[in-house]
Every structure is written in structure tokens, then in C-alpha cells.
């Protein structure tokens, strides 16, 4: 993952001191450090895997932060990479211990496919989330009733308790928007999203009321892409861009599919999507016009 050093002084002697963000980010940061140490020594993934009784594929997953670390494995890899001084080893071992602490979403692990669990961890850690949606209101902006209606479309045969937990998980994700360290959410949604009566007109109306309230928060921005604009830059469909305070972490583009997801973090790829997102914001209604659109639509539903 083409990661870069922090510009704010968070990197010291090649070891990152993370500002927080949960186990997903900590795993990625630690994996990055281990990859740098391995490549600096010219050691192959196969040889590194042999040192910890694992495959080269597991080393790749560790270095990408996609799986958890055992402190013993990190210690063995550091020895292999020639990091033997206690003062050099301890920060990385401490990072391994921190990365092993489950995130708040761990209790929902039975509901989360692995590809989406990674996203929840990244979303929790992101300082800025920019998203474009063509079918549903973004999950971070959904009301409980709207979320339940969306979840029922896919999991309609699940037990009521499971549906309740899926709704609770979505609501828990939203808490990041109102904490003292609140992230910025900048969403562009297609007009069709708002006109589609997911869960019925009453649920639709409640969802629009919620959007009018939550967009009063200084860290939440919502723009509408109206039908009258015709074609636009994001002809390919929905996507999200996550940005992090930790300078070591690149922007991540996330695109969800039916049973999997695509993550892009190479700079040329993420920069392309950032340009598309910027174009969408220019082509969409302004923030004030978008609020006016919501208010007009709400009156239509009441009429």
C-alpha cells in the first residue's frame, strides 16, 4: 500500500506513533513498518513466512493490515529483520498489542463479512468520508426505520433479533459524527435516492426530516445531484473515499458489490476518484440549494 510518512511529526526514527483510530489503522501502520524493515533487508515474503511458520500469503496479509498480529510473530520478524535493540523493538511490539484490542464492532462480528469488517474499521478511523450514492441514503445518514427497511431488502428472512442488531450496528457507526473528534462527512446523493420510498412514504418523510436536521451539523455536508443535470462524472456508480489523519495512511477508495468489495489505495487510482468526486460536487446543487430541495420534497410528501 503506497503509504507515506506523516508531515506533522508523527513519525520518529522510522516508527509511527499513531494518534488512535482503532485496531484496523494500527494493523495497517504496523504492517507498513514490517514491510519496510523486510524490504530494507532484502528478505522475501517466503523467507519471512518461514520464520513465523506461515505462508508468504500470510506475510502479505499482515503487511496490508488485513489480519491480526500475534506479538510472538512480530518479535520473530523483528529478530529476522535485525531489529534487536530493546528501544527499537518495544514501540513495534506495543503497537502489536494495541492492534490486538478488538474494536467496538467486534461484538457484531457474526454479522459482518470480512470484506465489510475492514471497511467499518477504516470508516471509524477516517477523519474525512466523502461518498457518492445512487440507490440508498448513505448508511451514516440513515434513520433507524430507513436502515431497517434497507436491511430487510437483503435479510428479510433473518430472525427479528438479527435485524435489530444489524440496525444497531448501523446506528453505532453514526456516533462518530457527533463525538468530540467528529469526522467530516461530505455526501453527494442522486435525486433518485431521495424520491425512492424505501419502507414507504412515512419512512421516506422521516428520513428527509433527519437529513434536514443532521446537515445542520458543521461537519456534515450533503449535496443533491438533480435529474436535470443529465449525465455526470460518476457514471460508474456509488463509491466512497476515506482520508486519515495519520500521514502514513493513503486515501482509500471503497466500492461495495453484492458479495464483496473493492479497495483502491494506489495514489493514481485514488486521485482519479478524488477528481471525479470534486466534479460531482461542482455539478450538484450547492449546500443551500440542496437543503431547499429537501424542504420542497418534504412538502410534496406532506401534500
C-alpha atoms as a PDB file:
ATOM      1  CA  UNK A   1       0.000   0.000   0.000  1.00  0.00           C
ATOM      2  CA  UNK A   2       1.935   3.029  -1.172  1.00  0.00           C
ATOM      3  CA  UNK A   3       1.967   4.694   2.257  1.00  0.00           C
ATOM      4  CA  UNK A   4       3.810   7.859   3.129  1.00  0.00           C
ATOM      5  CA  UNK A   5       5.409   9.429   6.211  1.00  0.00           C
ATOM      6  CA  UNK A   6       3.449  11.914   8.277  1.00  0.00           C
ATOM      7  CA  UNK A   7       4.114  15.573   7.689  1.00  0.00           C
ATOM      8  CA  UNK A   8       3.093  16.521  11.223  1.00  0.00           C
ATOM      9  CA  UNK A   9       5.999  14.902  13.016  1.00  0.00           C
ATOM     10  CA  UNK A  10       4.154  11.723  13.952  1.00  0.00           C
ATOM     11  CA  UNK A  11       6.971   9.596  12.537  1.00  0.00           C
ATOM     12  CA  UNK A  12      10.064   9.277  14.702  1.00  0.00           C
ATOM     13  CA  UNK A  13      13.099   7.185  13.781  1.00  0.00           C
ATOM     14  CA  UNK A  14      11.024   5.209  11.286  1.00  0.00           C
ATOM     15  CA  UNK A  15       8.424   4.203  13.877  1.00  0.00           C
ATOM     16  CA  UNK A  16       4.942   5.649  13.725  1.00  0.00           C
ATOM     17  CA  UNK A  17       3.219   6.927  16.852  1.00  0.00           C
ATOM     18  CA  UNK A  18      -0.455   6.718  15.849  1.00  0.00           C
ATOM     19  CA  UNK A  19      -2.988   9.209  17.120  1.00  0.00           C
ATOM     20  CA  UNK A  20      -5.593   6.488  17.508  1.00  0.00           C
ATOM     21  CA  UNK A  21      -8.276   5.280  15.165  1.00  0.00           C
ATOM     22  CA  UNK A  22      -8.799   1.715  16.266  1.00  0.00           C
ATOM     23  CA  UNK A  23      -7.221  -1.653  15.539  1.00  0.00           C
ATOM     24  CA  UNK A  24      -7.670  -1.540  11.759  1.00  0.00           C
ATOM     25  CA  UNK A  25      -5.458   1.517  11.368  1.00  0.00           C
ATOM     26  CA  UNK A  26      -2.961   0.213  13.924  1.00  0.00           C
ATOM     27  CA  UNK A  27      -2.640  -3.052  11.992  1.00  0.00           C
ATOM     28  CA  UNK A  28      -2.031  -1.147   8.755  1.00  0.00           C
ATOM     29  CA  UNK A  29       0.590   1.068  10.393  1.00  0.00           C
ATOM     30  CA  UNK A  30       2.395  -1.898  11.937  1.00  0.00           C
ATOM     31  CA  UNK A  31       2.214  -3.847   8.694  1.00  0.00           C
ATOM     32  CA  UNK A  32       3.764  -0.913   6.861  1.00  0.00           C
ATOM     33  CA  UNK A  33       6.664  -0.775   9.296  1.00  0.00           C
ATOM     34  CA  UNK A  34       7.300  -4.505   8.977  1.00  0.00           C
ATOM     35  CA  UNK A  35       7.223  -4.328   5.192  1.00  0.00           C
ATOM     36  CA  UNK A  36       9.790  -1.507   5.208  1.00  0.00           C
ATOM     37  CA  UNK A  37      12.069  -3.466   7.510  1.00  0.00           C
ATOM     38  CA  UNK A  38      11.744  -6.615   5.409  1.00  0.00           C
ATOM     39  CA  UNK A  39      12.426  -4.946   2.070  1.00  0.00           C
ATOM     40  CA  UNK A  40      15.342  -2.955   3.521  1.00  0.00           C
ATOM     41  CA  UNK A  41      16.984  -6.280   4.387  1.00  0.00           C
ATOM     42  CA  UNK A  42      16.130  -7.818   1.010  1.00  0.00           C
ATOM     43  CA  UNK A  43      14.190 -10.635   2.653  1.00  0.00           C
ATOM     44  CA  UNK A  44      11.481 -12.348   0.611  1.00  0.00           C
ATOM     45  CA  UNK A  45       7.946 -12.912   1.865  1.00  0.00           C
ATOM     46  CA  UNK A  46       8.601 -16.641   1.625  1.00  0.00           C
ATOM     47  CA  UNK A  47      11.584 -16.434   3.995  1.00  0.00           C
ATOM     48  CA  UNK A  48       9.685 -14.145   6.367  1.00  0.00           C
ATOM     49  CA  UNK A  49       6.787 -16.587   6.395  1.00  0.00           C
ATOM     50  CA  UNK A  50       9.135 -19.473   7.172  1.00  0.00           C
ATOM     51  CA  UNK A  51      10.423 -17.561  10.209  1.00  0.00           C
ATOM     52  CA  UNK A  52       6.954 -17.439  11.753  1.00  0.00           C
ATOM     53  CA  UNK A  53       5.768 -20.826  10.466  1.00  0.00           C
ATOM     54  CA  UNK A  54       3.396 -19.244   7.951  1.00  0.00           C
ATOM     55  CA  UNK A  55       2.965 -18.792   4.199  1.00  0.00           C
ATOM     56  CA  UNK A  56       4.140 -15.867   2.089  1.00  0.00           C
ATOM     57  CA  UNK A  57       0.431 -15.076   1.579  1.00  0.00           C
ATOM     58  CA  UNK A  58       0.011 -14.528   5.312  1.00  0.00           C
ATOM     59  CA  UNK A  59       3.002 -12.157   5.332  1.00  0.00           C
ATOM     60  CA  UNK A  60       1.307 -10.212   2.559  1.00  0.00           C
ATOM     61  CA  UNK A  61      -1.934 -10.024   4.555  1.00  0.00           C
ATOM     62  CA  UNK A  62      -0.037  -8.953   7.681  1.00  0.00           C
ATOM     63  CA  UNK A  63       1.778  -6.210   5.808  1.00  0.00           C
ATOM     64  CA  UNK A  64      -1.523  -4.934   4.414  1.00  0.00           C
ATOM     65  CA  UNK A  65      -3.103  -4.925   7.874  1.00  0.00           C
ATOM     66  CA  UNK A  66      -5.834  -7.334   6.778  1.00  0.00           C
ATOM     67  CA  UNK A  67      -5.336  -9.809   9.644  1.00  0.00           C
ATOM     68  CA  UNK A  68      -4.410  -9.597  13.314  1.00  0.00           C
ATOM     69  CA  UNK A  69      -0.867  -9.918  14.679  1.00  0.00           C
ATOM     70  CA  UNK A  70       0.483 -12.263  17.305  1.00  0.00           C
ATOM     71  CA  UNK A  71       3.080 -10.476  19.408  1.00  0.00           C
ATOM     72  CA  UNK A  72       5.325 -13.541  19.184  1.00  0.00           C
ATOM     73  CA  UNK A  73       5.241 -13.388  15.373  1.00  0.00           C
ATOM     74  CA  UNK A  74       6.142  -9.696  15.388  1.00  0.00           C
ATOM     75  CA  UNK A  75       9.032 -10.404  17.766  1.00  0.00           C
ATOM     76  CA  UNK A  76      10.317 -13.186  15.490  1.00  0.00           C
ATOM     77  CA  UNK A  77      10.064 -10.996  12.409  1.00  0.00           C
ATOM     78  CA  UNK A  78      11.911  -8.143  14.123  1.00  0.00           C
ATOM     79  CA  UNK A  79      14.716 -10.526  15.006  1.00  0.00           C
ATOM     80  CA  UNK A  80      14.849 -11.748  11.398  1.00  0.00           C
ATOM     81  CA  UNK A  81      14.982  -8.141  10.190  1.00  0.00           C
ATOM     82  CA  UNK A  82      17.867  -7.302  12.511  1.00  0.00           C
ATOM     83  CA  UNK A  83      15.895  -5.162  14.963  1.00  0.00           C
ATOM     84  CA  UNK A  84      17.422  -6.419  18.197  1.00  0.00           C
ATOM     85  CA  UNK A  85      17.769  -3.322  20.369  1.00  0.00           C
ATOM     86  CA  UNK A  86      15.031  -3.189  23.017  1.00  0.00           C
ATOM     87  CA  UNK A  87      14.353   0.520  22.471  1.00  0.00           C
ATOM     88  CA  UNK A  88      13.742  -0.140  18.752  1.00  0.00           C
ATOM     89  CA  UNK A  89      11.658  -3.283  19.280  1.00  0.00           C
ATOM     90  CA  UNK A  90       9.377  -2.163  22.086  1.00  0.00           C
ATOM     91  CA  UNK A  91       7.400   0.523  20.178  1.00  0.00           C
ATOM     92  CA  UNK A  92       6.528  -2.006  17.487  1.00  0.00           C
ATOM     93  CA  UNK A  93       5.653  -4.721  19.998  1.00  0.00           C
ATOM     94  CA  UNK A  94       3.481  -2.217  21.859  1.00  0.00           C
ATOM     95  CA  UNK A  95       1.785  -1.381  18.564  1.00  0.00           C
ATOM     96  CA  UNK A  96       1.128  -5.109  18.044  1.00  0.00           C
ATOM     97  CA  UNK A  97      -0.517  -5.302  21.464  1.00  0.00           C
ATOM     98  CA  UNK A  98      -2.680  -2.253  20.757  1.00  0.00           C
ATOM     99  CA  UNK A  99      -3.665  -3.611  17.347  1.00  0.00           C
ATOM    100  CA  UNK A 100      -4.886  -6.791  19.029  1.00  0.00           C
ATOM    101  CA  UNK A 101      -7.537  -4.986  21.087  1.00  0.00           C
ATOM    102  CA  UNK A 102     -10.912  -5.601  19.388  1.00  0.00           C
ATOM    103  CA  UNK A 103     -12.817  -2.601  18.034  1.00  0.00           C
ATOM    104  CA  UNK A 104     -16.300  -1.780  19.306  1.00  0.00           C
ATOM    105  CA  UNK A 105     -17.749  -3.543  16.264  1.00  0.00           C
ATOM    106  CA  UNK A 106     -16.213  -6.877  17.338  1.00  0.00           C
ATOM    107  CA  UNK A 107     -19.454  -7.844  19.072  1.00  0.00           C
ATOM    108  CA  UNK A 108     -21.164  -7.691  15.675  1.00  0.00           C
ATOM    109  CA  UNK A 109     -18.527  -9.927  14.084  1.00  0.00           C
ATOM    110  CA  UNK A 110     -21.025 -12.693  13.359  1.00  0.00           C
ATOM    111  CA  UNK A 111     -22.958 -10.263  11.141  1.00  0.00           C
ATOM    112  CA  UNK A 112     -20.013  -8.781   9.283  1.00  0.00           C
ATOM    113  CA  UNK A 113     -18.394 -10.458   6.291  1.00  0.00           C
ATOM    114  CA  UNK A 114     -14.627  -9.975   6.442  1.00  0.00           C
ATOM    115  CA  UNK A 115     -14.610  -7.571   3.492  1.00  0.00           C
ATOM    116  CA  UNK A 116     -17.055  -5.257   5.254  1.00  0.00           C
ATOM    117  CA  UNK A 117     -15.458  -5.558   8.693  1.00  0.00           C
ATOM    118  CA  UNK A 118     -12.350  -3.982   7.164  1.00  0.00           C
ATOM    119  CA  UNK A 119     -14.482  -1.082   5.930  1.00  0.00           C
ATOM    120  CA  UNK A 120     -16.125  -0.496   9.326  1.00  0.00           C
ATOM    121  CA  UNK A 121     -12.678  -0.255  10.920  1.00  0.00           C
ATOM    122  CA  UNK A 122     -11.436   2.173   8.255  1.00  0.00           C
ATOM    123  CA  UNK A 123     -14.608   4.256   8.479  1.00  0.00           C
ATOM    124  CA  UNK A 124     -14.248   4.506  12.260  1.00  0.00           C
ATOM    125  CA  UNK A 125     -10.686   5.762  11.860  1.00  0.00           C
ATOM    126  CA  UNK A 126     -11.231   8.148   8.950  1.00  0.00           C
ATOM    127  CA  UNK A 127     -11.123  11.883   9.544  1.00  0.00           C
ATOM    128  CA  UNK A 128     -12.999  12.605   6.296  1.00  0.00           C
ATOM    129  CA  UNK A 129     -15.506  10.412   4.471  1.00  0.00           C
ATOM    130  CA  UNK A 130     -16.655  11.511   1.025  1.00  0.00           C
ATOM    131  CA  UNK A 131     -19.326   9.392  -0.591  1.00  0.00           C
ATOM    132  CA  UNK A 132     -21.487   9.313  -3.703  1.00  0.00           C
ATOM    133  CA  UNK A 133     -24.691   7.241  -3.625  1.00  0.00           C
ATOM    134  CA  UNK A 134     -27.135   6.355  -6.389  1.00  0.00           C
ATOM    135  CA  UNK A 135     -29.518   3.926  -4.667  1.00  0.00           C
ATOM    136  CA  UNK A 136     -29.754   4.461  -0.896  1.00  0.00           C
ATOM    137  CA  UNK A 137     -29.174   7.242   1.610  1.00  0.00           C
ATOM    138  CA  UNK A 138     -25.590   6.773   2.917  1.00  0.00           C
ATOM    139  CA  UNK A 139     -25.517   4.450   5.929  1.00  0.00           C
ATOM    140  CA  UNK A 140     -24.073   7.180   8.165  1.00  0.00           C
ATOM    141  CA  UNK A 141     -27.156   9.323   7.482  1.00  0.00           C
ATOM    142  CA  UNK A 142     -29.935   6.735   7.712  1.00  0.00           C
ATOM    143  CA  UNK A 143     -32.683   6.778  10.319  1.00  0.00           C
ATOM    144  CA  UNK A 144     -33.359   3.530  12.202  1.00  0.00           C
ATOM    145  CA  UNK A 145     -36.605   2.986  10.247  1.00  0.00           C
ATOM    146  CA  UNK A 146     -34.944   3.611   6.890  1.00  0.00           C
ATOM    147  CA  UNK A 147     -31.983   1.404   7.837  1.00  0.00           C
ATOM    148  CA  UNK A 148     -34.354  -1.383   8.843  1.00  0.00           C
ATOM    149  CA  UNK A 149     -36.183  -1.139   5.509  1.00  0.00           C
ATOM    150  CA  UNK A 150     -32.899  -1.317   3.572  1.00  0.00           C
ATOM    151  CA  UNK A 151     -31.626  -4.234   5.656  1.00  0.00           C
ATOM    152  CA  UNK A 152     -34.895  -6.121   5.151  1.00  0.00           C
ATOM    153  CA  UNK A 153     -34.394  -5.979   1.385  1.00  0.00           C
ATOM    154  CA  UNK A 154     -31.407  -8.307   1.754  1.00  0.00           C
ATOM    155  CA  UNK A 155     -32.016 -10.067   5.074  1.00  0.00           C
ATOM    156  CA  UNK A 156     -35.801 -10.188   5.113  1.00  0.00           C
ATOM    157  CA  UNK A 157     -35.873 -13.825   6.240  1.00  0.00           C
ATOM    158  CA  UNK A 158     -33.483 -13.300   9.143  1.00  0.00           C
ATOM    159  CA  UNK A 159     -34.767 -13.532  12.741  1.00  0.00           C
ATOM    160  CA  UNK A 160     -36.068 -10.303  14.250  1.00  0.00           C
ATOM    161  CA  UNK A 161     -33.199 -10.231  16.759  1.00  0.00           C
ATOM    162  CA  UNK A 162     -30.643 -10.308  13.947  1.00  0.00           C
ATOM    163  CA  UNK A 163     -32.400  -7.464  12.114  1.00  0.00           C
ATOM    164  CA  UNK A 164     -32.378  -5.432  15.340  1.00  0.00           C
ATOM    165  CA  UNK A 165     -28.636  -5.999  15.745  1.00  0.00           C
ATOM    166  CA  UNK A 166     -27.931  -5.008  12.154  1.00  0.00           C
ATOM    167  CA  UNK A 167     -29.838  -1.764  12.707  1.00  0.00           C
ATOM    168  CA  UNK A 168     -27.972  -1.200  15.985  1.00  0.00           C
ATOM    169  CA  UNK A 169     -24.643  -1.664  14.205  1.00  0.00           C
ATOM    170  CA  UNK A 170     -25.562   0.955  11.615  1.00  0.00           C
ATOM    171  CA  UNK A 171     -26.633   3.388  14.324  1.00  0.00           C
ATOM    172  CA  UNK A 172     -23.395   2.762  16.261  1.00  0.00           C
ATOM    173  CA  UNK A 173     -21.377   3.679  13.172  1.00  0.00           C
ATOM    174  CA  UNK A 174     -23.133   7.050  13.129  1.00  0.00           C
ATOM    175  CA  UNK A 175     -21.897   8.001  16.600  1.00  0.00           C
ATOM    176  CA  UNK A 176     -18.578   9.009  15.028  1.00  0.00           C
ATOM    177  CA  UNK A 177     -20.353  12.051  13.548  1.00  0.00           C
ATOM    178  CA  UNK A 178     -21.208  13.593  16.920  1.00  0.00           C
ATOM    179  CA  UNK A 179     -18.206  12.723  19.099  1.00  0.00           C
ATOM    180  CA  UNK A 180     -15.708  15.420  20.153  1.00  0.00           C
ATOM    181  CA  UNK A 181     -13.335  14.098  17.454  1.00  0.00           C
ATOM    182  CA  UNK A 182     -16.155  14.042  14.895  1.00  0.00           C
ATOM    183  CA  UNK A 183     -15.201  13.128  11.366  1.00  0.00           C
ATOM    184  CA  UNK A 184     -16.310  15.166   8.362  1.00  0.00           C
ATOM    185  CA  UNK A 185     -18.899  13.530   6.120  1.00  0.00           C
ATOM    186  CA  UNK A 186     -19.398  15.015   2.659  1.00  0.00           C
ATOM    187  CA  UNK A 187     -22.067  13.161   0.708  1.00  0.00           C
ATOM    188  CA  UNK A 188     -23.419  13.572  -2.794  1.00  0.00           C
ATOM    189  CA  UNK A 189     -26.631  11.649  -3.448  1.00  0.00           C
ATOM    190  CA  UNK A 190     -28.589  11.212  -6.631  1.00  0.00           C
ATOM    191  CA  UNK A 191     -32.098  12.657  -6.667  1.00  0.00           C
ATOM    192  CA  UNK A 192     -33.448   9.135  -7.222  1.00  0.00           C
ATOM    193  CA  UNK A 193     -32.186   8.167  -3.746  1.00  0.00           C
ATOM    194  CA  UNK A 194     -34.475  10.695  -2.111  1.00  0.00           C
ATOM    195  CA  UNK A 195     -37.500  10.040  -4.301  1.00  0.00           C
ATOM    196  CA  UNK A 196     -37.397   6.261  -3.824  1.00  0.00           C
ATOM    197  CA  UNK A 197     -39.893   5.446  -0.994  1.00  0.00           C
ATOM    198  CA  UNK A 198     -37.808   2.844   0.823  1.00  0.00           C
ATOM    199  CA  UNK A 199     -40.038   1.496   3.609  1.00  0.00           C
ATOM    200  CA  UNK A 200     -42.988   3.590   2.442  1.00  0.00           C
ATOM    201  CA  UNK A 201     -43.785   7.282   2.289  1.00  0.00           C
ATOM    202  CA  UNK A 202     -43.824   7.740   6.080  1.00  0.00           C
ATOM    203  CA  UNK A 203     -40.315   6.312   6.439  1.00  0.00           C
ATOM    204  CA  UNK A 204     -39.200   8.389   3.449  1.00  0.00           C
ATOM    205  CA  UNK A 205     -40.562  11.563   5.042  1.00  0.00           C
ATOM    206  CA  UNK A 206     -38.882  10.780   8.371  1.00  0.00           C
ATOM    207  CA  UNK A 207     -35.604  10.206   6.553  1.00  0.00           C
ATOM    208  CA  UNK A 208     -35.785  13.602   4.856  1.00  0.00           C
ATOM    209  CA  UNK A 209     -36.590  15.275   8.186  1.00  0.00           C
ATOM    210  CA  UNK A 210     -33.468  13.625   9.598  1.00  0.00           C
ATOM    211  CA  UNK A 211     -31.333  14.847   6.701  1.00  0.00           C
ATOM    212  CA  UNK A 212     -32.541  18.395   7.273  1.00  0.00           C
ATOM    213  CA  UNK A 213     -31.599  18.129  10.959  1.00  0.00           C
ATOM    214  CA  UNK A 214     -28.247  16.401  10.631  1.00  0.00           C
ATOM    215  CA  UNK A 215     -26.984  18.693   7.878  1.00  0.00           C
ATOM    216  CA  UNK A 216     -27.141  21.499  10.418  1.00  0.00           C
ATOM    217  CA  UNK A 217     -24.018  19.936  11.945  1.00  0.00           C
ATOM    218  CA  UNK A 218     -20.894  21.783  10.770  1.00  0.00           C
ATOM    219  CA  UNK A 219     -19.146  18.514   9.882  1.00  0.00           C
ATOM    220  CA  UNK A 220     -21.940  17.092   7.696  1.00  0.00           C
ATOM    221  CA  UNK A 221     -22.370  18.287   4.120  1.00  0.00           C
ATOM    222  CA  UNK A 222     -24.977  16.966   1.727  1.00  0.00           C
ATOM    223  CA  UNK A 223     -25.385  17.816  -1.950  1.00  0.00           C
ATOM    224  CA  UNK A 224     -28.065  16.552  -4.300  1.00  0.00           C
ATOM    225  CA  UNK A 225     -27.336  15.522  -7.891  1.00  0.00           C
ATOM    226  CA  UNK A 226     -30.616  16.503  -9.598  1.00  0.00           C
ATOM    227  CA  UNK A 227     -32.126  14.719 -12.581  1.00  0.00           C
ATOM    228  CA  UNK A 228     -31.911  17.890 -14.631  1.00  0.00           C
ATOM    229  CA  UNK A 229     -28.116  17.673 -14.686  1.00  0.00           C
ATOM    230  CA  UNK A 230     -28.324  14.687 -17.044  1.00  0.00           C
ATOM    231  CA  UNK A 231     -25.082  12.711 -17.316  1.00  0.00           C
ATOM    232  CA  UNK A 232     -22.227  13.389 -14.910  1.00  0.00           C
ATOM    233  CA  UNK A 233     -18.722  12.329 -13.913  1.00  0.00           C
ATOM    234  CA  UNK A 234     -19.642   9.279 -11.782  1.00  0.00           C
ATOM    235  CA  UNK A 235     -21.316   7.204 -14.467  1.00  0.00           C
ATOM    236  CA  UNK A 236     -19.761   4.089 -12.922  1.00  0.00           C
ATOM    237  CA  UNK A 237     -21.867   4.105  -9.735  1.00  0.00           C
ATOM    238  CA  UNK A 238     -21.501   4.594  -5.984  1.00  0.00           C
ATOM    239  CA  UNK A 239     -18.159   4.887  -4.188  1.00  0.00           C
ATOM    240  CA  UNK A 240     -16.617   6.325  -1.038  1.00  0.00           C
ATOM    241  CA  UNK A 241     -13.245   7.942  -0.323  1.00  0.00           C
ATOM    242  CA  UNK A 242     -11.741   7.694   3.169  1.00  0.00           C
ATOM    243  CA  UNK A 243      -8.986  10.030   4.368  1.00  0.00           C
ATOM    244  CA  UNK A 244      -6.995   9.692   7.600  1.00  0.00           C
ATOM    245  CA  UNK A 245      -5.124  11.984   9.971  1.00  0.00           C
ATOM    246  CA  UNK A 246      -2.224   9.519  10.105  1.00  0.00           C
ATOM    247  CA  UNK A 247       0.044  10.632   7.291  1.00  0.00           C
ATOM    248  CA  UNK A 248       1.258   7.070   6.888  1.00  0.00           C
ATOM    249  CA  UNK A 249      -2.126   6.043   5.534  1.00  0.00           C
ATOM    250  CA  UNK A 250      -3.132   6.715   1.935  1.00  0.00           C
ATOM    251  CA  UNK A 251      -6.630   7.669   0.903  1.00  0.00           C
ATOM    252  CA  UNK A 252      -8.769   4.566   0.365  1.00  0.00           C
ATOM    253  CA  UNK A 253     -11.489   4.266  -2.277  1.00  0.00           C
ATOM    254  CA  UNK A 254     -14.212   1.770  -1.364  1.00  0.00           C
ATOM    255  CA  UNK A 255     -16.742   0.293  -3.787  1.00  0.00           C
ATOM    256  CA  UNK A 256     -19.241  -2.218  -2.450  1.00  0.00           C
ATOM    257  CA  UNK A 257     -20.591  -5.064  -4.550  1.00  0.00           C
ATOM    258  CA  UNK A 258     -23.233  -7.677  -3.776  1.00  0.00           C
ATOM    259  CA  UNK A 259     -20.970 -10.168  -2.020  1.00  0.00           C
ATOM    260  CA  UNK A 260     -17.602  -8.413  -1.890  1.00  0.00           C
ATOM    261  CA  UNK A 261     -15.938  -5.023  -2.055  1.00  0.00           C
ATOM    262  CA  UNK A 262     -13.107  -3.350  -3.921  1.00  0.00           C
ATOM    263  CA  UNK A 263     -10.497  -1.294  -2.058  1.00  0.00           C
ATOM    264  CA  UNK A 264      -8.155   1.007  -4.001  1.00  0.00           C
ATOM    265  CA  UNK A 265      -5.232   2.804  -2.349  1.00  0.00           C
ATOM    266  CA  UNK A 266      -2.672   3.405  -5.103  1.00  0.00           C
ATOM    267  CA  UNK A 267      -2.228   7.137  -5.477  1.00  0.00           C
ATOM    268  CA  UNK A 268      -3.021   7.312  -9.205  1.00  0.00           C
ATOM    269  CA  UNK A 269      -6.287   5.429  -8.590  1.00  0.00           C
ATOM    270  CA  UNK A 270      -7.400   7.428  -5.561  1.00  0.00           C
ATOM    271  CA  UNK A 271      -6.511  10.733  -7.204  1.00  0.00           C
ATOM    272  CA  UNK A 272      -8.706   9.817 -10.175  1.00  0.00           C
ATOM    273  CA  UNK A 273     -11.663   9.176  -7.872  1.00  0.00           C
ATOM    274  CA  UNK A 274     -10.956  12.355  -5.948  1.00  0.00           C
ATOM    275  CA  UNK A 275     -11.181  14.325  -9.208  1.00  0.00           C
ATOM    276  CA  UNK A 276     -14.465  12.603 -10.020  1.00  0.00           C
ATOM    277  CA  UNK A 277     -15.791  13.462  -6.556  1.00  0.00           C
ATOM    278  CA  UNK A 278     -14.720  17.079  -6.942  1.00  0.00           C
ATOM    279  CA  UNK A 279     -16.530  17.208 -10.295  1.00  0.00           C
ATOM    280  CA  UNK A 280     -19.658  15.764  -8.706  1.00  0.00           C
ATOM    281  CA  UNK A 281     -19.626  18.472  -6.059  1.00  0.00           C
ATOM    282  CA  UNK A 282     -19.359  21.147  -8.744  1.00  0.00           C
ATOM    283  CA  UNK A 283     -22.126  19.610 -10.852  1.00  0.00           C
ATOM    284  CA  UNK A 284     -24.513  19.035  -7.923  1.00  0.00           C
ATOM    285  CA  UNK A 285     -26.762  21.535  -6.197  1.00  0.00           C
ATOM    286  CA  UNK A 286     -24.985  23.783  -3.715  1.00  0.00           C
ATOM    287  CA  UNK A 287     -25.346  23.059   0.000  1.00  0.00           C
ATOM    288  CA  UNK A 288     -28.058  25.709   0.391  1.00  0.00           C
ATOM    289  CA  UNK A 289     -29.903  24.634  -2.764  1.00  0.00           C
ATOM    290  CA  UNK A 290     -29.717  21.023  -1.584  1.00  0.00           C
ATOM    291  CA  UNK A 291     -31.399  21.953   1.705  1.00  0.00           C
ATOM    292  CA  UNK A 292     -34.041  23.813  -0.290  1.00  0.00           C
ATOM    293  CA  UNK A 293     -34.528  20.702  -2.431  1.00  0.00           C
ATOM    294  CA  UNK A 294     -35.043  18.595   0.712  1.00  0.00           C
ATOM    295  CA  UNK A 295     -37.533  21.082   2.141  1.00  0.00           C
ATOM    296  CA  UNK A 296     -39.507  21.188  -1.124  1.00  0.00           C
ATOM    297  CA  UNK A 297     -39.558  17.396  -1.350  1.00  0.00           C
ATOM    298  CA  UNK A 298     -40.733  17.146   2.256  1.00  0.00           C
ATOM    299  CA  UNK A 299     -43.646  19.467   1.466  1.00  0.00           C
ATOM    300  CA  UNK A 300     -44.508  17.330  -1.566  1.00  0.00           C
ATOM    301  CA  UNK A 301     -44.719  14.272   0.653  1.00  0.00           C
ATOM    302  CA  UNK A 302     -46.983  16.092   3.106  1.00  0.00           C
ATOM    303  CA  UNK A 303     -49.206  17.465   0.374  1.00  0.00           C
END
